[in-house]
Amino acid sequence: MTPEISIVIPVYNEEEALYPLFSELYPVMKGMNRSFEILFVNDGSRDGSLGILYDFYKNYPEVRVIDLNGNFGQHMAIMAGFEKVRGKITITLDADLQNPPDEIPGIVAKMDEGHDVVGTYRVGRQDPIFRKVASKIVNKLTNRIAKLDIKDYGCMLRGYDRRIIDIINFSKESTTFIPALGQKFAASPVEIAVAHRERELGTSKYGLFQLIRLNFDLMTSFSLIPLQMVTMAGMAVSALSFLLVCYMLIRRLILGPEVEGVFTLMAIQFLLTGITLFSLGITGEYLGRVYREVSRRPRYAIREILEHKDE
């Protein structure tokens, strides 16, 4: 039987949160009186998460489990789930319980109104202040660069129509950012507010480096503006450097040799070196994406799929 709703949950070292998550999620889905499946994607967990997922699979016919061959990252785990979902509506949900499962009926209601993508943004966000401030800055910057209109890129509780899932599956990029990809392809997107809890179980899998890496992927996946900005900055620095050389030559002809300006020249040299290295980094990001796309390696590898064959 084809379910109406598919819930895709990526899991990485979440053994502490899985039982509380399922105890909230399953009654919510049952209470909607619509057919559903819950698809857990184990992203190479090293704790007892897979054993707990196997327990869910044995005891609940609506549960399916995809066990990946290693840790491929949150978005690739979701992509693995997207390729196996059967529902007309797909909801993505993190396993950390920071987004309450009882928000799902509201997303489905919006999908029933005809929207093909339902995004969410967190209200009363329970995160450290530096993460909230950084998130606001990144959201605004990314919207300007990628020419999208998403209030909260970090909230993964979202709904997608079957047509959008098929389009995302057709896209074979080796790195991608699913909320932005869905928004790009949507004909009638909408965003709604959802509650947010403080993380009480487990630890966040996104450190500072992972967040920076994720945002670089997001910006370089959907826009050439960073590369164009580097080009413009290079032209501006070249022009300023030419003017500075002309000024120094004229000054030398008028005043003769000087040593007082050595430290000024050193400071300018360090500035130009920093700009050069930054420019090389941005260019390298795009070259790295080209390399990954050309190499055409699998985005993930599935070790096993646990599902009830009689469904």
Protein backbone atom coordinates (compact mmCIF):
# COMPACT_ATOMS: atom_id res chain seq x y z
CA MET A 1 0.00 0.00 0.00
CA THR A 2 1.32 3.43 -0.91
CA PRO A 3 1.26 5.72 2.14
CA GLU A 4 -0.01 9.27 1.95
CA ILE A 5 2.73 10.69 4.17
CA SER A 6 6.41 9.79 4.48
CA ILE A 7 8.53 11.00 7.39
CA VAL A 8 12.28 11.03 6.68
CA ILE A 9 14.55 11.21 9.74
CA PRO A 10 18.36 11.21 9.40
CA VAL A 11 20.05 9.62 12.42
CA TYR A 12 23.65 9.99 13.54
CA ASN A 13 24.58 8.96 17.10
CA GLU A 14 21.14 9.79 18.54
CA GLU A 15 20.56 6.78 20.82
CA GLU A 16 19.50 9.01 23.72
CA ALA A 17 16.85 10.84 21.71
CA LEU A 18 15.32 8.04 19.59
CA TYR A 19 12.92 6.50 22.12
CA PRO A 20 11.56 9.91 23.28
CA LEU A 21 11.29 10.98 19.63
CA PHE A 22 9.32 7.91 18.60
CA SER A 23 7.06 8.09 21.65
CA GLU A 24 5.99 11.57 20.49
CA LEU A 25 6.02 11.02 16.73
CA TYR A 26 4.06 7.78 16.43
CA PRO A 27 0.91 8.97 18.31
CA VAL A 28 0.92 12.18 16.24
CA MET A 29 0.96 10.22 13.00
CA LYS A 30 -1.68 7.75 14.20
CA GLY A 31 -3.90 10.63 15.28
CA MET A 32 -3.94 12.10 11.78
CA ASN A 33 -5.93 9.07 10.48
CA ARG A 34 -3.93 8.95 7.28
CA SER A 35 -1.62 6.23 6.02
CA PHE A 36 2.02 6.92 6.70
CA GLU A 37 5.53 5.53 6.85
CA ILE A 38 8.46 6.56 9.02
CA LEU A 39 11.78 6.20 7.23
CA PHE A 40 14.85 6.36 9.45
CA VAL A 41 18.22 6.80 7.70
CA ASN A 42 21.14 5.66 9.84
CA ASP A 43 24.06 7.81 8.75
CA GLY A 44 26.90 5.63 10.02
CA SER A 45 26.06 5.91 13.74
CA ARG A 46 28.73 4.56 16.07
CA ASP A 47 26.55 4.25 19.16
CA GLY A 48 23.48 2.07 19.71
CA SER A 49 21.21 3.99 17.32
CA LEU A 50 20.98 1.21 14.72
CA GLY A 51 19.90 -1.34 17.32
CA ILE A 52 17.10 0.97 18.47
CA LEU A 53 15.99 1.53 14.87
CA TYR A 54 15.93 -2.24 14.34
CA ASP A 55 13.69 -2.53 17.39
CA PHE A 56 11.29 0.05 15.89
CA TYR A 57 11.29 -1.85 12.61
CA LYS A 58 10.45 -5.18 14.27
CA ASN A 59 7.55 -3.78 16.26
CA TYR A 60 5.95 -1.26 13.92
CA PRO A 61 4.96 -2.07 10.33
CA GLU A 62 5.07 1.61 9.36
CA VAL A 63 8.79 1.84 10.09
CA ARG A 64 11.48 1.39 7.44
CA VAL A 65 15.22 1.73 8.04
CA ILE A 66 18.00 2.60 5.61
CA ASP A 67 21.46 1.80 6.95
CA LEU A 68 24.19 3.73 5.14
CA ASN A 69 27.68 2.36 4.75
CA GLY A 70 29.27 5.29 6.59
CA ASN A 71 28.76 8.88 7.65
CA PHE A 72 27.84 10.86 4.52
CA GLY A 73 26.30 13.88 6.23
CA GLN A 74 22.80 15.00 7.09
CA HIS A 75 21.76 16.16 3.63
CA MET A 76 23.05 13.06 1.85
CA ALA A 77 21.21 10.91 4.40
CA ILE A 78 18.01 12.79 3.58
CA MET A 79 18.69 12.33 -0.14
CA ALA A 80 18.99 8.58 0.46
CA GLY A 81 15.60 8.72 2.15
CA PHE A 82 14.10 10.76 -0.69
CA GLU A 83 15.07 8.11 -3.21
CA LYS A 84 13.16 5.46 -1.22
CA VAL A 85 10.08 7.33 0.02
CA ARG A 86 6.68 6.24 -1.27
CA GLY A 87 4.37 8.93 0.10
CA LYS A 88 2.60 11.71 -1.76
CA ILE A 89 3.82 14.11 0.94
CA THR A 90 7.29 13.90 2.46
CA ILE A 91 8.21 15.53 5.77
CA THR A 92 11.81 15.86 6.93
CA LEU A 93 12.45 15.89 10.66
CA ASP A 94 15.64 15.92 12.74
CA ALA A 95 16.04 13.25 15.42
CA ASP A 96 17.11 15.64 18.18
CA LEU A 97 13.54 16.60 19.25
CA GLN A 98 14.25 20.32 19.00
CA ASN A 99 11.33 20.57 16.57
CA PRO A 100 8.23 18.98 18.15
CA PRO A 101 6.58 16.27 16.02
CA ASP A 102 3.16 17.76 16.81
CA GLU A 103 3.97 20.51 14.28
CA ILE A 104 3.63 17.96 11.46
CA PRO A 105 -0.19 18.19 11.10
CA GLY A 106 0.14 21.93 10.46
CA ILE A 107 2.61 21.29 7.65
CA VAL A 108 0.37 18.63 6.10
CA ALA A 109 -2.60 21.01 6.30
CA LYS A 110 -0.65 23.57 4.28
CA MET A 111 0.27 20.89 1.75
CA ASP A 112 -3.42 20.01 1.44
CA GLU A 113 -4.11 23.64 0.53
CA GLY A 114 -2.03 23.16 -2.62
CA HIS A 115 1.45 24.29 -1.61
CA ASP A 116 4.22 22.10 -3.01
CA VAL A 117 6.87 23.11 -0.45
CA VAL A 118 6.15 24.09 3.15
CA GLY A 119 9.14 25.61 4.89
CA THR A 120 9.33 26.49 8.56
CA TYR A 121 11.09 29.01 10.74
CA ARG A 122 11.77 28.67 14.44
CA VAL A 123 10.11 30.99 16.96
CA GLY A 124 11.33 31.22 20.55
CA ARG A 125 14.54 29.59 19.38
CA GLN A 126 16.35 27.81 22.21
CA ASP A 127 19.95 28.11 21.06
CA PRO A 128 23.03 29.99 22.35
CA ILE A 129 22.98 33.68 21.46
CA PHE A 130 25.99 33.45 19.14
CA ARG A 131 24.23 30.77 17.04
CA LYS A 132 21.06 32.84 16.77
CA VAL A 133 22.96 35.97 15.71
CA ALA A 134 25.14 34.04 13.26
CA SER A 135 22.04 32.33 11.84
CA LYS A 136 20.30 35.65 11.16
CA ILE A 137 23.37 37.04 9.42
CA VAL A 138 23.82 33.90 7.31
CA ASN A 139 20.11 33.77 6.39
CA LYS A 140 20.13 37.36 5.10
CA LEU A 141 23.46 37.02 3.31
CA THR A 142 22.51 33.72 1.68
CA ASN A 143 19.15 35.04 0.50
CA ARG A 144 20.89 37.95 -1.20
CA ILE A 145 23.57 35.80 -2.80
CA ALA A 146 21.41 32.84 -3.82
CA LYS A 147 18.36 35.02 -4.68
CA LEU A 148 16.06 32.93 -2.49
CA ASP A 149 13.56 33.91 0.19
CA ILE A 150 13.95 31.54 3.13
CA LYS A 151 13.60 32.81 6.69
CA ASP A 152 15.42 29.98 8.44
CA TYR A 153 17.86 27.78 6.52
CA GLY A 154 18.73 25.78 9.63
CA CYS A 155 15.24 24.43 10.32
CA MET A 156 14.89 21.01 8.67
CA LEU A 157 11.25 20.41 9.61
CA ARG A 158 9.79 20.86 6.11
CA GLY A 159 7.21 19.39 3.76
CA TYR A 160 7.66 18.46 0.09
CA ASP A 161 5.19 17.39 -2.56
CA ARG A 162 5.89 14.20 -4.55
CA ARG A 163 6.68 16.26 -7.66
CA ILE A 164 9.37 18.22 -5.79
CA ILE A 165 10.88 14.99 -4.42
CA ASP A 166 11.11 13.58 -7.95
CA ILE A 167 12.83 16.74 -9.21
CA ILE A 168 15.31 16.71 -6.32
CA ASN A 169 16.05 13.04 -6.99
CA PHE A 170 16.67 13.84 -10.64
CA SER A 171 19.28 16.40 -9.59
CA LYS A 172 22.54 14.45 -9.22
CA GLU A 173 24.72 17.07 -7.54
CA SER A 174 27.32 15.56 -5.24
CA THR A 175 26.77 18.28 -2.65
CA THR A 176 23.55 20.17 -2.13
CA PHE A 177 21.38 21.96 0.41
CA ILE A 178 17.92 20.42 0.37
CA PRO A 179 15.76 23.30 1.73
CA ALA A 180 17.24 25.69 -0.86
CA LEU A 181 16.92 23.11 -3.63
CA GLY A 182 13.26 22.51 -2.80
CA GLN A 183 12.57 26.25 -2.67
CA LYS A 184 14.25 26.72 -6.05
CA PHE A 185 11.98 24.18 -7.72
CA ALA A 186 8.75 25.07 -5.90
CA ALA A 187 5.83 26.62 -7.74
CA SER A 188 3.86 27.54 -4.62
CA PRO A 189 6.11 27.61 -1.54
CA VAL A 190 5.01 28.88 1.86
CA GLU A 191 6.62 29.20 5.28
CA ILE A 192 5.02 28.76 8.69
CA ALA A 193 6.25 29.32 12.24
CA VAL A 194 7.07 26.30 14.40
CA ALA A 195 8.10 25.87 18.02
CA HIS A 196 11.66 25.15 19.00
CA ARG A 197 13.03 23.39 22.06
CA GLU A 198 16.37 23.43 23.77
CA ARG A 199 18.35 20.29 23.04
CA GLU A 200 18.13 18.09 26.13
CA LEU A 201 19.40 14.75 24.80
CA GLY A 202 22.62 14.06 22.91
CA THR A 203 24.92 16.69 21.45
CA SER A 204 24.81 18.81 18.31
CA LYS A 205 26.60 17.31 15.32
CA TYR A 206 27.31 20.75 13.83
CA GLY A 207 30.39 22.46 15.21
CA LEU A 208 31.73 25.80 13.98
CA PHE A 209 33.74 24.25 11.14
CA GLN A 210 30.78 22.13 9.96
CA LEU A 211 28.51 25.19 9.94
CA ILE A 212 31.03 27.21 7.92
CA ARG A 213 31.48 24.28 5.52
CA LEU A 214 27.70 23.93 5.11
CA ASN A 215 27.24 27.61 4.33
CA PHE A 216 30.06 27.59 1.79
CA ASP A 217 28.33 24.68 0.07
CA LEU A 218 25.03 26.54 0.14
CA MET A 219 26.42 29.74 -1.36
CA THR A 220 28.53 28.09 -4.05
CA SER A 221 25.72 25.68 -5.00
CA PHE A 222 23.20 28.34 -5.90
CA SER A 223 25.11 31.41 -7.06
CA LEU A 224 28.18 32.65 -8.92
CA ILE A 225 28.08 35.95 -7.02
CA PRO A 226 30.97 35.05 -4.63
CA LEU A 227 33.18 34.30 -7.64
CA GLN A 228 32.06 37.50 -9.36
CA MET A 229 32.77 39.46 -6.17
CA VAL A 230 36.30 38.05 -6.12
CA THR A 231 36.77 39.15 -9.75
CA MET A 232 35.55 42.67 -8.97
CA ALA A 233 37.72 42.85 -5.84
CA GLY A 234 40.74 41.74 -7.87
CA MET A 235 40.11 44.48 -10.43
CA ALA A 236 39.70 47.08 -7.67
CA VAL A 237 42.88 46.01 -5.86
CA SER A 238 44.82 46.03 -9.15
CA ALA A 239 43.65 49.57 -9.87
CA LEU A 240 44.53 50.76 -6.36
CA SER A 241 47.93 49.05 -6.57
CA PHE A 242 48.66 50.81 -9.86
CA LEU A 243 47.74 54.18 -8.36
CA LEU A 244 49.91 53.44 -5.31
CA VAL A 245 52.91 52.58 -7.52
CA CYS A 246 52.43 55.81 -9.47
CA TYR A 247 52.24 57.78 -6.22
CA MET A 248 55.40 56.16 -4.84
CA LEU A 249 57.33 56.82 -8.06
CA ILE A 250 56.32 60.48 -8.11
CA ARG A 251 57.15 60.82 -4.40
CA ARG A 252 60.57 59.23 -4.96
CA LEU A 253 61.33 61.62 -7.84
CA ILE A 254 60.35 64.64 -5.77
CA LEU A 255 61.66 63.75 -2.30
CA GLY A 256 64.31 61.16 -3.11
CA PRO A 257 64.80 57.76 -1.43
CA GLU A 258 62.93 57.21 1.88
CA VAL A 259 62.83 54.48 4.52
CA GLU A 260 60.04 55.85 6.72
CA GLY A 261 57.36 54.22 4.57
CA VAL A 262 58.68 50.67 4.87
CA PHE A 263 56.19 49.62 7.53
CA THR A 264 53.31 51.16 5.61
CA LEU A 265 54.31 49.19 2.54
CA MET A 266 54.54 46.02 4.64
CA ALA A 267 51.02 46.58 5.99
CA ILE A 268 49.70 47.10 2.46
CA GLN A 269 51.52 43.96 1.33
CA PHE A 270 49.92 41.90 4.12
CA LEU A 271 46.50 43.29 3.17
CA LEU A 272 46.98 42.38 -0.49
CA THR A 273 48.26 38.93 0.47
CA GLY A 274 45.16 38.34 2.61
CA ILE A 275 42.87 39.38 -0.22
CA THR A 276 44.76 37.12 -2.61
CA LEU A 277 44.48 34.10 -0.30
CA PHE A 278 40.78 34.75 0.27
CA SER A 279 40.22 35.00 -3.48
CA LEU A 280 42.09 31.75 -4.05
CA GLY A 281 39.91 30.11 -1.39
CA ILE A 282 36.67 31.18 -3.08
CA THR A 283 37.96 30.07 -6.47
CA GLY A 284 39.06 26.78 -4.93
CA GLU A 285 35.56 26.19 -3.58
CA TYR A 286 34.13 26.35 -7.08
CA LEU A 287 36.93 24.24 -8.54
CA GLY A 288 36.35 21.68 -5.79
CA ARG A 289 32.66 21.50 -6.69
CA VAL A 290 33.56 20.99 -10.35
CA TYR A 291 35.98 18.21 -9.38
CA ARG A 292 33.34 16.44 -7.27
CA GLU A 293 30.76 16.67 -10.02
CA VAL A 294 33.16 15.44 -12.72
CA SER A 295 34.39 12.52 -10.59
CA ARG A 296 30.76 11.30 -10.34
CA ARG A 297 31.32 9.26 -7.20
CA PRO A 298 28.21 7.93 -5.42
CA ARG A 299 26.79 10.44 -2.98
CA TYR A 300 26.21 7.67 -0.45
CA ALA A 301 26.30 3.90 -0.17
CA ILE A 302 23.45 1.85 1.28
CA ARG A 303 24.42 -1.19 3.33
CA GLU A 304 20.91 -2.48 4.05
CA ILE A 305 17.25 -1.56 3.82
CA LEU A 306 14.89 -2.93 6.44
CA GLU A 307 11.27 -2.92 5.31
CA HIS A 308 8.19 -5.08 5.59
CA LYS A 309 7.73 -6.82 2.25
CA ASP A 310 4.05 -7.53 2.77
CA GLU A 311 3.13 -3.83 2.71
